[in-house]
Every structure is written in structure tokens, then in C-alpha cells.
Amino acid sequence: GQYLGEKYNFERLTSARELVKRKAIKKRMPKQ
């Protein structure tokens, strides 16, 4: 009865390229 989300870290993406682009975004501090 345990949800898979309680056992593993899931993340839904629009495309796998987001993982690469996210790394570049992390280099700057969010403003708002």
C-alpha cells in the first residue's frame, strides 16, 4: 500500500534536455 513516490524520487520532464539546461540555470541566483 506504499506509494512509489514515498520510496523513490520522481521528476516529470517536458524533455530530457531540461536536465542539461537546468544545470546552466543553477549558476545564477533567482530574482523573484
PDB file of all heavy atoms in Angstrom:
ATOM      1  N   GLY A   1       0.794  -1.214   0.000  1.00  0.00           N
ATOM      2  CA  GLY A   1       0.000   0.000   0.000  1.00  0.00           C
ATOM      3  C   GLY A   1       0.833   1.273   0.000  1.00  0.00           C
ATOM      4  O   GLY A   1       0.292   2.378   0.023  1.00  0.00           O
ATOM      5  N   GLN A   2       2.152   1.140  -0.045  1.00  0.00           N
ATOM      6  CA  GLN A   2       3.021   2.318  -0.042  1.00  0.00           C
ATOM      7  C   GLN A   2       3.128   2.896  -1.447  1.00  0.00           C
ATOM      8  O   GLN A   2       3.331   2.175  -2.420  1.00  0.00           O
ATOM      9  CB  GLN A   2       4.414   1.956   0.475  1.00  0.00           C
ATOM     10  CG  GLN A   2       5.333   3.159   0.666  1.00  0.00           C
ATOM     11  CD  GLN A   2       6.685   2.767   1.243  1.00  0.00           C
ATOM     12  OE1 GLN A   2       7.108   1.604   1.143  1.00  0.00           O
ATOM     13  NE2 GLN A   2       7.377   3.727   1.841  1.00  0.00           N
ATOM     14  N   TYR A   3       2.975   4.218  -1.547  1.00  0.00           N
ATOM     15  CA  TYR A   3       3.092   4.876  -2.839  1.00  0.00           C
ATOM     16  C   TYR A   3       4.537   4.823  -3.330  1.00  0.00           C
ATOM     17  O   TYR A   3       5.480   4.947  -2.546  1.00  0.00           O
ATOM     18  CB  TYR A   3       2.654   6.340  -2.746  1.00  0.00           C
ATOM     19  CG  TYR A   3       1.183   6.527  -2.466  1.00  0.00           C
ATOM     20  CD1 TYR A   3       0.764   7.215  -1.323  1.00  0.00           C
ATOM     21  CD2 TYR A   3       0.214   6.046  -3.342  1.00  0.00           C
ATOM     22  CE1 TYR A   3      -0.587   7.404  -1.068  1.00  0.00           C
ATOM     23  CE2 TYR A   3      -1.129   6.223  -3.090  1.00  0.00           C
ATOM     24  CZ  TYR A   3      -1.533   6.901  -1.947  1.00  0.00           C
ATOM     25  OH  TYR A   3      -2.865   7.081  -1.694  1.00  0.00           O
ATOM     26  N   LEU A   4       4.699   4.676  -4.663  1.00  0.00           N
ATOM     27  CA  LEU A   4       6.051   4.672  -5.229  1.00  0.00           C
ATOM     28  C   LEU A   4       6.758   6.002  -4.952  1.00  0.00           C
ATOM     29  O   LEU A   4       7.975   6.044  -4.783  1.00  0.00           O
ATOM     30  CB  LEU A   4       5.985   4.416  -6.733  1.00  0.00           C
ATOM     31  CG  LEU A   4       5.461   3.041  -7.166  1.00  0.00           C
ATOM     32  CD1 LEU A   4       5.467   2.946  -8.695  1.00  0.00           C
ATOM     33  CD2 LEU A   4       6.299   1.918  -6.570  1.00  0.00           C
ATOM     34  N   GLY A   5       5.981   7.089  -4.910  1.00  0.00           N
ATOM     35  CA  GLY A   5       6.553   8.395  -4.634  1.00  0.00           C
ATOM     36  C   GLY A   5       7.139   8.526  -3.246  1.00  0.00           C
ATOM     37  O   GLY A   5       7.922   9.442  -2.977  1.00  0.00           O
ATOM     38  N   GLU A   6       6.754   7.620  -2.339  1.00  0.00           N
ATOM     39  CA  GLU A   6       7.327   7.615  -0.986  1.00  0.00           C
ATOM     40  C   GLU A   6       8.640   6.835  -0.941  1.00  0.00           C
ATOM     41  O   GLU A   6       9.422   6.995  -0.010  1.00  0.00           O
ATOM     42  CB  GLU A   6       6.338   7.008   0.004  1.00  0.00           C
ATOM     43  CG  GLU A   6       5.049   7.801   0.155  1.00  0.00           C
ATOM     44  CD  GLU A   6       4.046   7.124   1.074  1.00  0.00           C
ATOM     45  OE1 GLU A   6       3.731   5.931   0.848  1.00  0.00           O
ATOM     46  OE2 GLU A   6       3.577   7.779   2.019  1.00  0.00           O
ATOM     47  N   LYS A   7       8.872   6.032  -1.971  1.00  0.00           N
ATOM     48  CA  LYS A   7      10.068   5.178  -1.977  1.00  0.00           C
ATOM     49  C   LYS A   7      11.176   5.730  -2.873  1.00  0.00           C
ATOM     50  O   LYS A   7      12.355   5.499  -2.619  1.00  0.00           O
ATOM     51  CB  LYS A   7       9.692   3.766  -2.449  1.00  0.00           C
ATOM     52  CG  LYS A   7       8.657   3.082  -1.573  1.00  0.00           C
ATOM     53  CD  LYS A   7       8.182   1.769  -2.178  1.00  0.00           C
ATOM     54  CE  LYS A   7       9.261   0.718  -2.188  1.00  0.00           C
ATOM     55  NZ  LYS A   7       8.737  -0.599  -2.632  1.00  0.00           N
ATOM     56  N   TYR A   8      10.768   6.455  -3.933  1.00  0.00           N
ATOM     57  CA  TYR A   8      11.750   6.928  -4.916  1.00  0.00           C
ATOM     58  C   TYR A   8      11.514   8.412  -5.216  1.00  0.00           C
ATOM     59  O   TYR A   8      10.440   8.953  -4.946  1.00  0.00           O
ATOM     60  CB  TYR A   8      11.646   6.117  -6.217  1.00  0.00           C
ATOM     61  CG  TYR A   8      11.674   4.630  -5.999  1.00  0.00           C
ATOM     62  CD1 TYR A   8      10.516   3.867  -6.118  1.00  0.00           C
ATOM     63  CD2 TYR A   8      12.856   3.984  -5.658  1.00  0.00           C
ATOM     64  CE1 TYR A   8      10.537   2.497  -5.900  1.00  0.00           C
ATOM     65  CE2 TYR A   8      12.890   2.617  -5.440  1.00  0.00           C
ATOM     66  CZ  TYR A   8      11.723   1.878  -5.559  1.00  0.00           C
ATOM     67  OH  TYR A   8      11.743   0.529  -5.331  1.00  0.00           O
ATOM     68  N   ASN A   9      12.521   9.042  -5.781  1.00  0.00           N
ATOM     69  CA  ASN A   9      12.426  10.457  -6.136  1.00  0.00           C
ATOM     70  C   ASN A   9      12.042  10.582  -7.610  1.00  0.00           C
ATOM     71  O   ASN A   9      12.877  10.351  -8.480  1.00  0.00           O
ATOM     72  CB  ASN A   9      13.775  11.150  -5.890  1.00  0.00           C
ATOM     73  CG  ASN A   9      14.267  10.958  -4.475  1.00  0.00           C
ATOM     74  OD1 ASN A   9      13.531  11.182  -3.525  1.00  0.00           O
ATOM     75  ND2 ASN A   9      15.511  10.530  -4.330  1.00  0.00           N
ATOM     76  N   PHE A  10      10.785  10.925  -7.864  1.00  0.00           N
ATOM     77  CA  PHE A  10      10.299  11.055  -9.236  1.00  0.00           C
ATOM     78  C   PHE A  10      10.343  12.509  -9.681  1.00  0.00           C
ATOM     79  O   PHE A  10      10.085  13.422  -8.894  1.00  0.00           O
ATOM     80  CB  PHE A  10       8.854  10.570  -9.349  1.00  0.00           C
ATOM     81  CG  PHE A  10       8.701   9.081  -9.287  1.00  0.00           C
ATOM     82  CD1 PHE A  10       8.492   8.449  -8.072  1.00  0.00           C
ATOM     83  CD2 PHE A  10       8.753   8.309 -10.436  1.00  0.00           C
ATOM     84  CE1 PHE A  10       8.335   7.072  -8.002  1.00  0.00           C
ATOM     85  CE2 PHE A  10       8.601   6.935 -10.383  1.00  0.00           C
ATOM     86  CZ  PHE A  10       8.390   6.306  -9.160  1.00  0.00           C
ATOM     87  N   GLU A  11      10.639  12.719 -10.951  1.00  0.00           N
ATOM     88  CA  GLU A  11      10.563  14.059 -11.519  1.00  0.00           C
ATOM     89  C   GLU A  11      10.129  13.960 -12.974  1.00  0.00           C
ATOM     90  O   GLU A  11      10.754  13.273 -13.780  1.00  0.00           O
ATOM     91  CB  GLU A  11      11.903  14.780 -11.416  1.00  0.00           C
ATOM     92  CG  GLU A  11      11.801  16.239 -11.787  1.00  0.00           C
ATOM     93  CD  GLU A  11      12.983  17.050 -11.281  1.00  0.00           C
ATOM     94  OE1 GLU A  11      13.747  16.540 -10.437  1.00  0.00           O
ATOM     95  OE2 GLU A  11      13.152  18.179 -11.760  1.00  0.00           O
ATOM     96  N   ARG A  12       9.038  14.647 -13.285  1.00  0.00           N
ATOM     97  CA  ARG A  12       8.480  14.639 -14.639  1.00  0.00           C
ATOM     98  C   ARG A  12       9.103  15.774 -15.442  1.00  0.00           C
ATOM     99  O   ARG A  12       9.205  16.902 -14.968  1.00  0.00           O
ATOM    100  CB  ARG A  12       6.965  14.814 -14.561  1.00  0.00           C
ATOM    101  CG  ARG A  12       6.245  14.797 -15.898  1.00  0.00           C
ATOM    102  CD  ARG A  12       4.790  15.138 -15.718  1.00  0.00           C
ATOM    103  NE  ARG A  12       4.089  14.105 -14.993  1.00  0.00           N
ATOM    104  CZ  ARG A  12       3.083  13.388 -15.494  1.00  0.00           C
ATOM    105  NH1 ARG A  12       2.668  13.607 -16.727  1.00  0.00           N
ATOM    106  NH2 ARG A  12       2.486  12.475 -14.768  1.00  0.00           N
ATOM    107  N   LEU A  13       9.515  15.472 -16.675  1.00  0.00           N
ATOM    108  CA  LEU A  13      10.162  16.457 -17.539  1.00  0.00           C
ATOM    109  C   LEU A  13       9.378  16.620 -18.834  1.00  0.00           C
ATOM    110  O   LEU A  13       8.739  15.674 -19.303  1.00  0.00           O
ATOM    111  CB  LEU A  13      11.590  16.012 -17.887  1.00  0.00           C
ATOM    112  CG  LEU A  13      12.534  15.685 -16.726  1.00  0.00           C
ATOM    113  CD1 LEU A  13      13.815  15.062 -17.263  1.00  0.00           C
ATOM    114  CD2 LEU A  13      12.838  16.921 -15.908  1.00  0.00           C
ATOM    115  N   THR A  14       9.442  17.817 -19.423  1.00  0.00           N
ATOM    116  CA  THR A  14       8.868  18.027 -20.755  1.00  0.00           C
ATOM    117  C   THR A  14       9.747  17.376 -21.805  1.00  0.00           C
ATOM    118  O   THR A  14       9.273  16.782 -22.765  1.00  0.00           O
ATOM    119  CB  THR A  14       8.743  19.530 -21.050  1.00  0.00           C
ATOM    120  OG1 THR A  14       7.966  20.137 -20.025  1.00  0.00           O
ATOM    121  CG2 THR A  14       8.067  19.762 -22.391  1.00  0.00           C
ATOM    122  N   SER A  15      11.059  17.500 -21.624  1.00  0.00           N
ATOM    123  CA  SER A  15      12.016  16.779 -22.455  1.00  0.00           C
ATOM    124  C   SER A  15      13.265  16.542 -21.616  1.00  0.00           C
ATOM    125  O   SER A  15      13.540  17.276 -20.655  1.00  0.00           O
ATOM    126  CB  SER A  15      12.352  17.552 -23.734  1.00  0.00           C
ATOM    127  OG  SER A  15      13.587  18.216 -23.641  1.00  0.00           O
ATOM    128  N   ALA A  16      14.018  15.510 -21.969  1.00  0.00           N
ATOM    129  CA  ALA A  16      15.210  15.164 -21.190  1.00  0.00           C
ATOM    130  C   ALA A  16      16.264  16.255 -21.240  1.00  0.00           C
ATOM    131  O   ALA A  16      17.145  16.324 -20.378  1.00  0.00           O
ATOM    132  CB  ALA A  16      15.788  13.837 -21.695  1.00  0.00           C
ATOM    133  N   ARG A  17      16.183  17.139 -22.241  1.00  0.00           N
ATOM    134  CA  ARG A  17      17.138  18.245 -22.345  1.00  0.00           C
ATOM    135  C   ARG A  17      17.072  19.177 -21.141  1.00  0.00           C
ATOM    136  O   ARG A  17      18.017  19.912 -20.855  1.00  0.00           O
ATOM    137  CB  ARG A  17      16.891  19.044 -23.627  1.00  0.00           C
ATOM    138  CG  ARG A  17      17.335  18.365 -24.908  1.00  0.00           C
ATOM    139  CD  ARG A  17      17.214  19.320 -26.090  1.00  0.00           C
ATOM    140  NE  ARG A  17      15.846  19.660 -26.349  1.00  0.00           N
ATOM    141  CZ  ARG A  17      15.068  19.073 -27.271  1.00  0.00           C
ATOM    142  NH1 ARG A  17      15.563  18.106 -28.014  1.00  0.00           N
ATOM    143  NH2 ARG A  17      13.825  19.441 -27.460  1.00  0.00           N
ATOM    144  N   GLU A  18      15.943  19.152 -20.431  1.00  0.00           N
ATOM    145  CA  GLU A  18      15.785  20.029 -19.268  1.00  0.00           C
ATOM    146  C   GLU A  18      16.885  19.802 -18.238  1.00  0.00           C
ATOM    147  O   GLU A  18      17.286  20.729 -17.538  1.00  0.00           O
ATOM    148  CB  GLU A  18      14.420  19.800 -18.613  1.00  0.00           C
ATOM    149  CG  GLU A  18      13.258  20.398 -19.378  1.00  0.00           C
ATOM    150  CD  GLU A  18      11.940  20.146 -18.672  1.00  0.00           C
ATOM    151  OE1 GLU A  18      11.897  20.248 -17.431  1.00  0.00           O
ATOM    152  OE2 GLU A  18      10.956  19.835 -19.354  1.00  0.00           O
ATOM    153  N   LEU A  19      17.367  18.577 -18.124  1.00  0.00           N
ATOM    154  CA  LEU A  19      18.403  18.271 -17.135  1.00  0.00           C
ATOM    155  C   LEU A  19      19.678  19.051 -17.421  1.00  0.00           C
ATOM    156  O   LEU A  19      20.350  19.523 -16.504  1.00  0.00           O
ATOM    157  CB  LEU A  19      18.695  16.764 -17.121  1.00  0.00           C
ATOM    158  CG  LEU A  19      17.574  15.877 -16.575  1.00  0.00           C
ATOM    159  CD1 LEU A  19      17.909  14.407 -16.799  1.00  0.00           C
ATOM    160  CD2 LEU A  19      17.360  16.152 -15.099  1.00  0.00           C
ATOM    161  N   VAL A  20      20.014  19.200 -18.706  1.00  0.00           N
ATOM    162  CA  VAL A  20      21.219  19.939 -19.083  1.00  0.00           C
ATOM    163  C   VAL A  20      20.994  21.429 -18.908  1.00  0.00           C
ATOM    164  O   VAL A  20      21.854  22.153 -18.372  1.00  0.00           O
ATOM    165  CB  VAL A  20      21.619  19.627 -20.543  1.00  0.00           C
ATOM    166  CG1 VAL A  20      22.845  20.434 -20.949  1.00  0.00           C
ATOM    167  CG2 VAL A  20      21.896  18.126 -20.703  1.00  0.00           C
ATOM    168  N   LYS A  21      19.828  21.909 -19.355  1.00  0.00           N
ATOM    169  CA  LYS A  21      19.547  23.343 -19.257  1.00  0.00           C
ATOM    170  C   LYS A  21      19.445  23.788 -17.804  1.00  0.00           C
ATOM    171  O   LYS A  21      19.856  24.882 -17.452  1.00  0.00           O
ATOM    172  CB  LYS A  21      18.248  23.667 -19.992  1.00  0.00           C
ATOM    173  CG  LYS A  21      18.347  23.480 -21.493  1.00  0.00           C
ATOM    174  CD  LYS A  21      17.136  24.029 -22.191  1.00  0.00           C
ATOM    175  CE  LYS A  21      15.909  23.225 -21.827  1.00  0.00           C
ATOM    176  NZ  LYS A  21      14.691  23.771 -22.464  1.00  0.00           N
ATOM    177  N   ARG A  22      18.916  22.910 -16.951  1.00  0.00           N
ATOM    178  CA  ARG A  22      18.771  23.238 -15.537  1.00  0.00           C
ATOM    179  C   ARG A  22      20.128  23.482 -14.883  1.00  0.00           C
ATOM    180  O   ARG A  22      20.275  24.351 -14.030  1.00  0.00           O
ATOM    181  CB  ARG A  22      18.043  22.102 -14.823  1.00  0.00           C
ATOM    182  CG  ARG A  22      17.757  22.367 -13.356  1.00  0.00           C
ATOM    183  CD  ARG A  22      17.139  21.152 -12.729  1.00  0.00           C
ATOM    184  NE  ARG A  22      15.946  20.741 -13.440  1.00  0.00           N
ATOM    185  CZ  ARG A  22      15.380  19.555 -13.287  1.00  0.00           C
ATOM    186  NH1 ARG A  22      15.924  18.660 -12.487  1.00  0.00           N
ATOM    187  NH2 ARG A  22      14.288  19.252 -13.944  1.00  0.00           N
ATOM    188  N   LYS A  23      21.115  22.717 -15.293  1.00  0.00           N
ATOM    189  CA  LYS A  23      22.457  22.880 -14.732  1.00  0.00           C
ATOM    190  C   LYS A  23      22.992  24.277 -15.023  1.00  0.00           C
ATOM    191  O   LYS A  23      23.645  24.908 -14.183  1.00  0.00           O
ATOM    192  CB  LYS A  23      23.400  21.821 -15.303  1.00  0.00           C
ATOM    193  CG  LYS A  23      24.765  21.806 -14.662  1.00  0.00           C
ATOM    194  CD  LYS A  23      25.626  20.682 -15.220  1.00  0.00           C
ATOM    195  CE  LYS A  23      26.996  20.660 -14.559  1.00  0.00           C
ATOM    196  NZ  LYS A  23      27.851  19.579 -15.095  1.00  0.00           N
ATOM    197  N   ALA A  24      22.705  24.783 -16.232  1.00  0.00           N
ATOM    198  CA  ALA A  24      23.155  26.125 -16.591  1.00  0.00           C
ATOM    199  C   ALA A  24      22.397  27.187 -15.805  1.00  0.00           C
ATOM    200  O   ALA A  24      22.964  28.189 -15.370  1.00  0.00           O
ATOM    201  CB  ALA A  24      22.969  26.351 -18.088  1.00  0.00           C
ATOM    202  N   ILE A  25      21.093  26.950 -15.584  1.00  0.00           N
ATOM    203  CA  ILE A  25      20.274  27.916 -14.852  1.00  0.00           C
ATOM    204  C   ILE A  25      20.716  28.017 -13.399  1.00  0.00           C
ATOM    205  O   ILE A  25      20.692  29.083 -12.792  1.00  0.00           O
ATOM    206  CB  ILE A  25      18.779  27.513 -14.934  1.00  0.00           C
ATOM    207  CG1 ILE A  25      18.279  27.676 -16.363  1.00  0.00           C
ATOM    208  CG2 ILE A  25      17.935  28.346 -13.984  1.00  0.00           C
ATOM    209  CD1 ILE A  25      16.892  27.143 -16.605  1.00  0.00           C
ATOM    210  N   LYS A  26      21.152  26.898 -12.817  1.00  0.00           N
ATOM    211  CA  LYS A  26      21.537  26.888 -11.408  1.00  0.00           C
ATOM    212  C   LYS A  26      22.721  27.810 -11.120  1.00  0.00           C
ATOM    213  O   LYS A  26      22.987  28.144  -9.980  1.00  0.00           O
ATOM    214  CB  LYS A  26      21.878  25.463 -10.968  1.00  0.00           C
ATOM    215  CG  LYS A  26      20.654  24.595 -10.706  1.00  0.00           C
ATOM    216  CD  LYS A  26      21.042  23.223 -10.196  1.00  0.00           C
ATOM    217  CE  LYS A  26      19.813  22.395  -9.877  1.00  0.00           C
ATOM    218  NZ  LYS A  26      20.171  21.029  -9.386  1.00  0.00           N
ATOM    219  N   LYS A  27      23.444  28.192 -12.161  1.00  0.00           N
ATOM    220  CA  LYS A  27      24.621  29.038 -11.955  1.00  0.00           C
ATOM    221  C   LYS A  27      24.239  30.464 -11.564  1.00  0.00           C
ATOM    222  O   LYS A  27      25.073  31.213 -11.091  1.00  0.00           O
ATOM    223  CB  LYS A  27      25.477  29.048 -13.231  1.00  0.00           C
ATOM    224  CG  LYS A  27      26.103  27.698 -13.545  1.00  0.00           C
ATOM    225  CD  LYS A  27      26.915  27.766 -14.827  1.00  0.00           C
ATOM    226  CE  LYS A  27      27.527  26.410 -15.153  1.00  0.00           C
ATOM    227  NZ  LYS A  27      28.283  26.435 -16.436  1.00  0.00           N
ATOM    228  N   ARG A  28      22.976  30.875 -11.776  1.00  0.00           N
ATOM    229  CA  ARG A  28      22.584  32.223 -11.402  1.00  0.00           C
ATOM    230  C   ARG A  28      21.502  32.188 -10.321  1.00  0.00           C
ATOM    231  O   ARG A  28      20.694  31.268 -10.250  1.00  0.00           O
ATOM    232  CB  ARG A  28      22.081  33.000 -12.612  1.00  0.00           C
ATOM    233  CG  ARG A  28      20.773  32.505 -13.189  1.00  0.00           C
ATOM    234  CD  ARG A  28      20.287  33.457 -14.271  1.00  0.00           C
ATOM    235  NE  ARG A  28      19.026  33.024 -14.854  1.00  0.00           N
ATOM    236  CZ  ARG A  28      17.845  33.313 -14.338  1.00  0.00           C
ATOM    237  NH1 ARG A  28      17.757  33.992 -13.208  1.00  0.00           N
ATOM    238  NH2 ARG A  28      16.729  32.902 -14.935  1.00  0.00           N
ATOM    239  N   MET A  29      21.504  33.192  -9.479  1.00  0.00           N
ATOM    240  CA  MET A  29      20.539  33.290  -8.392  1.00  0.00           C
ATOM    241  C   MET A  29      19.186  33.765  -8.923  1.00  0.00           C
ATOM    242  O   MET A  29      19.110  34.757  -9.655  1.00  0.00           O
ATOM    243  CB  MET A  29      21.066  34.283  -7.348  1.00  0.00           C
ATOM    244  CG  MET A  29      20.078  34.626  -6.244  1.00  0.00           C
ATOM    245  SD  MET A  29      19.705  33.210  -5.181  1.00  0.00           S
ATOM    246  CE  MET A  29      21.299  32.994  -4.392  1.00  0.00           C
ATOM    247  N   PRO A  30      18.067  33.081  -8.567  1.00  0.00           N
ATOM    248  CA  PRO A  30      16.749  33.574  -8.967  1.00  0.00           C
ATOM    249  C   PRO A  30      16.502  34.962  -8.389  1.00  0.00           C
ATOM    250  O   PRO A  30      16.993  35.296  -7.305  1.00  0.00           O
ATOM    251  CB  PRO A  30      15.787  32.543  -8.352  1.00  0.00           C
ATOM    252  CG  PRO A  30      16.614  31.336  -8.105  1.00  0.00           C
ATOM    253  CD  PRO A  30      17.993  31.820  -7.810  1.00  0.00           C
ATOM    254  N   LYS A  31      15.742  35.770  -9.135  1.00  0.00           N
ATOM    255  CA  LYS A  31      15.486  37.140  -8.682  1.00  0.00           C
ATOM    256  C   LYS A  31      14.143  37.278  -7.974  1.00  0.00           C
ATOM    257  O   LYS A  31      14.007  38.051  -7.039  1.00  0.00           O
ATOM    258  CB  LYS A  31      15.539  38.093  -9.880  1.00  0.00           C
ATOM    259  CG  LYS A  31      16.909  38.187 -10.539  1.00  0.00           C
ATOM    260  CD  LYS A  31      16.869  39.118 -11.752  1.00  0.00           C
ATOM    261  CE  LYS A  31      18.234  39.209 -12.422  1.00  0.00           C
ATOM    262  NZ  LYS A  31      18.195  40.081 -13.631  1.00  0.00           N
ATOM    263  N   GLN A  32      13.140  36.518  -8.462  1.00  0.00           N
ATOM    264  CA  GLN A  32      11.800  36.691  -7.905  1.00  0.00           C
ATOM    265  C   GLN A  32      11.078  35.359  -7.789  1.00  0.00           C
ATOM    266  O   GLN A  32      11.197  34.481  -8.638  1.00  0.00           O
ATOM    267  CB  GLN A  32      10.981  37.645  -8.786  1.00  0.00           C
ATOM    268  CG  GLN A  32       9.606  37.982  -8.202  1.00  0.00           C
ATOM    269  CD  GLN A  32       8.784  38.837  -9.136  1.00  0.00           C
ATOM    270  OE1 GLN A  32       8.717  38.579 -10.331  1.00  0.00           O
ATOM    271  NE2 GLN A  32       8.126  39.863  -8.603  1.00  0.00           N
TER     272      GLN A  32
END
